[in-house]
C-alpha atoms as a PDB file:
ATOM      1  CA  SER A   1      94.830  85.412 102.714  1.00  0.00           C
ATOM      2  CA  VAL A   2      95.362  84.528  99.049  1.00  0.00           C
ATOM      3  CA  LEU A   3      97.703  81.610  99.936  1.00  0.00           C
ATOM      4  CA  LEU A   4      95.305  80.332 102.340  1.00  0.00           C
ATOM      5  CA  LEU A   5      92.437  80.457  99.997  1.00  0.00           C
ATOM      6  CA  ALA A   6      94.536  78.574  97.545  1.00  0.00           C
ATOM      7  CA  HIS A   7      95.271  75.989 100.265  1.00  0.00           C
ATOM      8  CA  VAL A   8      91.330  75.763 100.779  1.00  0.00           C
ATOM      9  CA  THR A   9      90.790  75.222  97.118  1.00  0.00           C
ATOM     10  CA  VAL A  10      93.307  72.734  97.067  1.00  0.00           C
ATOM     11  CA  CYS A  11      91.579  70.879  99.970  1.00  0.00           C
ATOM     12  CA  ALA A  12      88.262  71.062  98.628  1.00  0.00           C
ATOM     13  CA  ILE A  13      89.549  69.543  95.143  1.00  0.00           C
ATOM     14  CA  GLN A  14      91.175  66.823  97.112  1.00  0.00           C
ATOM     15  CA  HIS A  15      87.953  66.036  98.911  1.00  0.00           C
ATOM     16  CA  ARG A  16      86.093  65.806  95.742  1.00  0.00           C
ATOM     17  CA  GLU A  17      88.602  63.592  94.322  1.00  0.00           C
ATOM     18  CA  TYR A  18      88.254  61.426  97.389  1.00  0.00           C
ATOM     19  CA  LEU A  19      84.840  61.061  96.969  1.00  0.00           C
ATOM     20  CA  LYS A  20      84.843  60.285  93.453  1.00  0.00           C
ATOM     21  CA  ALA A  21      87.406  57.636  94.116  1.00  0.00           C
ATOM     22  CA  MET A  22      85.135  55.970  96.439  1.00  0.00           C
ATOM     23  CA  GLN A  23      82.196  56.537  94.513  1.00  0.00           C
ATOM     24  CA  GLN A  24      80.268  58.555  97.090  1.00  0.00           C
ATOM     25  CA  PRO A  25      78.116  61.358  96.028  1.00  0.00           C
ATOM     26  CA  PHE A  26      78.879  64.916  97.187  1.00  0.00           C
ATOM     27  CA  THR A  27      76.651  66.643  99.399  1.00  0.00           C
ATOM     28  CA  TYR A  28      78.409  69.144 101.320  1.00  0.00           C
ATOM     29  CA  PRO A  29      81.922  70.106 102.019  1.00  0.00           C
ATOM     30  CA  PRO A  30      83.656  68.985 105.463  1.00  0.00           C
ATOM     31  CA  VAL A  31      83.436  71.252 108.529  1.00  0.00           C
ATOM     32  CA  GLU A  32      87.279  71.878 108.351  1.00  0.00           C
ATOM     33  CA  ILE A  33      86.951  73.355 104.548  1.00  0.00           C
ATOM     34  CA  VAL A  34      84.113  75.510 105.660  1.00  0.00           C
ATOM     35  CA  LEU A  35      86.011  76.663 108.783  1.00  0.00           C
ATOM     36  CA  GLN A  36      88.973  77.469 106.692  1.00  0.00           C
ATOM     37  CA  CYS A  37      86.951  79.474 104.112  1.00  0.00           C
ATOM     38  CA  ALA A  38      85.149  81.506 107.062  1.00  0.00           C
ATOM     39  CA  LEU A  39      88.765  82.124 108.586  1.00  0.00           C
ATOM     40  CA  VAL A  40      90.196  83.367 105.020  1.00  0.00           C
ATOM     41  CA  LEU A  41      87.437  85.752 104.679  1.00  0.00           C
ATOM     42  CA  VAL A  42      87.694  87.149 107.993  1.00  0.00           C
ATOM     43  CA  LEU A  43      91.681  87.520 107.751  1.00  0.00           C
ATOM     44  CA  GLY A  44      91.277  89.094 104.213  1.00  0.00           C
ATOM     45  CA  ALA A  45      88.700  91.525 105.294  1.00  0.00           C
ATOM     46  CA  TRP A  46      90.815  92.300 108.330  1.00  0.00           C
ATOM     47  CA  GLY A  47      93.928  92.819 106.020  1.00  0.00           C
ATOM     48  CA  VAL A  48      92.193  94.834 103.564  1.00  0.00           C
ATOM     49  CA  LEU A  49      90.355  97.149 106.120  1.00  0.00           C
ATOM     50  CA  GLY A  50      93.624  97.418 108.131  1.00  0.00           C
ATOM     51  CA  LEU A  51      95.855  98.568 105.150  1.00  0.00           C
ATOM     52  CA  GLN A  52      93.719 101.416 104.257  1.00  0.00           C
ATOM     53  CA  ALA A  53      95.558 104.694 103.931  1.00  0.00           C
ATOM     54  CA  ASN A  54      95.172 107.842 105.520  1.00  0.00           C
ATOM     55  CA  PHE A  55      93.505 110.152 102.775  1.00  0.00           C
ATOM     56  CA  VAL A  56      94.078 113.676 102.219  1.00  0.00           C
ATOM     57  CA  PRO A  57      91.165 115.901 101.284  1.00  0.00           C
ATOM     58  CA  ILE A  58      91.318 117.405  97.857  1.00  0.00           C
ATOM     59  CA  ARG A  59      91.178 120.943  98.155  1.00  0.00           C
ATOM     60  CA  THR A  60      90.136 122.475  94.819  1.00  0.00           C
ATOM     61  CA  THR A  61      88.959 125.728  95.938  1.00  0.00           C
ATOM     62  CA  THR A  62      92.246 127.511  95.955  1.00  0.00           C
ATOM     63  CA  HIS A  63      93.288 125.826  92.545  1.00  0.00           C
ATOM     64  CA  LEU A  64      89.735 126.739  90.851  1.00  0.00           C
ATOM     65  CA  ALA A  65      89.812 130.098  92.207  1.00  0.00           C
ATOM     66  CA  LYS A  66      92.651 131.105  90.300  1.00  0.00           C
ATOM     67  CA  GLN A  67      91.027 130.198  86.923  1.00  0.00           C
ATOM     68  CA  THR A  68      88.296 131.895  84.733  1.00  0.00           C
ATOM     69  CA  VAL A  69      85.184 130.477  83.642  1.00  0.00           C
ATOM     70  CA  ASP A  70      86.359 130.390  80.000  1.00  0.00           C
ATOM     71  CA  SER A  71      89.455 128.259  81.059  1.00  0.00           C
ATOM     72  CA  LEU A  72      87.300 125.487  82.894  1.00  0.00           C
ATOM     73  CA  ASP A  73      85.013 124.644  79.977  1.00  0.00           C
ATOM     74  CA  GLY A  74      87.397 123.286  77.401  1.00  0.00           C
ATOM     75  CA  GLY A  75      84.613 121.396  75.683  1.00  0.00           C
ATOM     76  CA  PRO A  76      85.116 117.873  74.406  1.00  0.00           C
ATOM     77  CA  GLU A  77      88.797 117.300  73.515  1.00  0.00           C
ATOM     78  CA  TRP A  78      88.074 113.992  71.578  1.00  0.00           C
ATOM     79  CA  VAL A  79      86.063 115.370  68.869  1.00  0.00           C
ATOM     80  CA  HIS A  80      88.086 116.075  65.659  1.00  0.00           C
ATOM     81  CA  PHE A  81      87.037 117.945  62.544  1.00  0.00           C
ATOM     82  CA  ASN A  82      88.453 117.614  59.274  1.00  0.00           C
ATOM     83  CA  THR A  83      90.197 114.505  59.668  1.00  0.00           C
ATOM     84  CA  ARG A  84      90.587 114.020  55.875  1.00  0.00           C
ATOM     85  CA  PRO A  85      93.876 114.580  54.392  1.00  0.00           C
ATOM     86  CA  LEU A  86      93.860 117.506  51.971  1.00  0.00           C
ATOM     87  CA  ARG A  87      94.792 116.646  48.351  1.00  0.00           C
END
């Protein structure tokens, strides 16, 4: 769908350049470009939704049951104290 979107973009640019060459105002894109955009949207959505993976549920109860409360709360690990070098 990315290649089709690039093709529609090139078609729209060529249409705008044609209108500039003919000195006509741009009011709206032609029906062909609108239909191509709609087709790319539908195909892209179908591709993304069709390629979704089979997710496995996360079972944390067995892993967390083996740990104590003290090991679960490690505190913020990004805080550093005494960062100045000793002289």
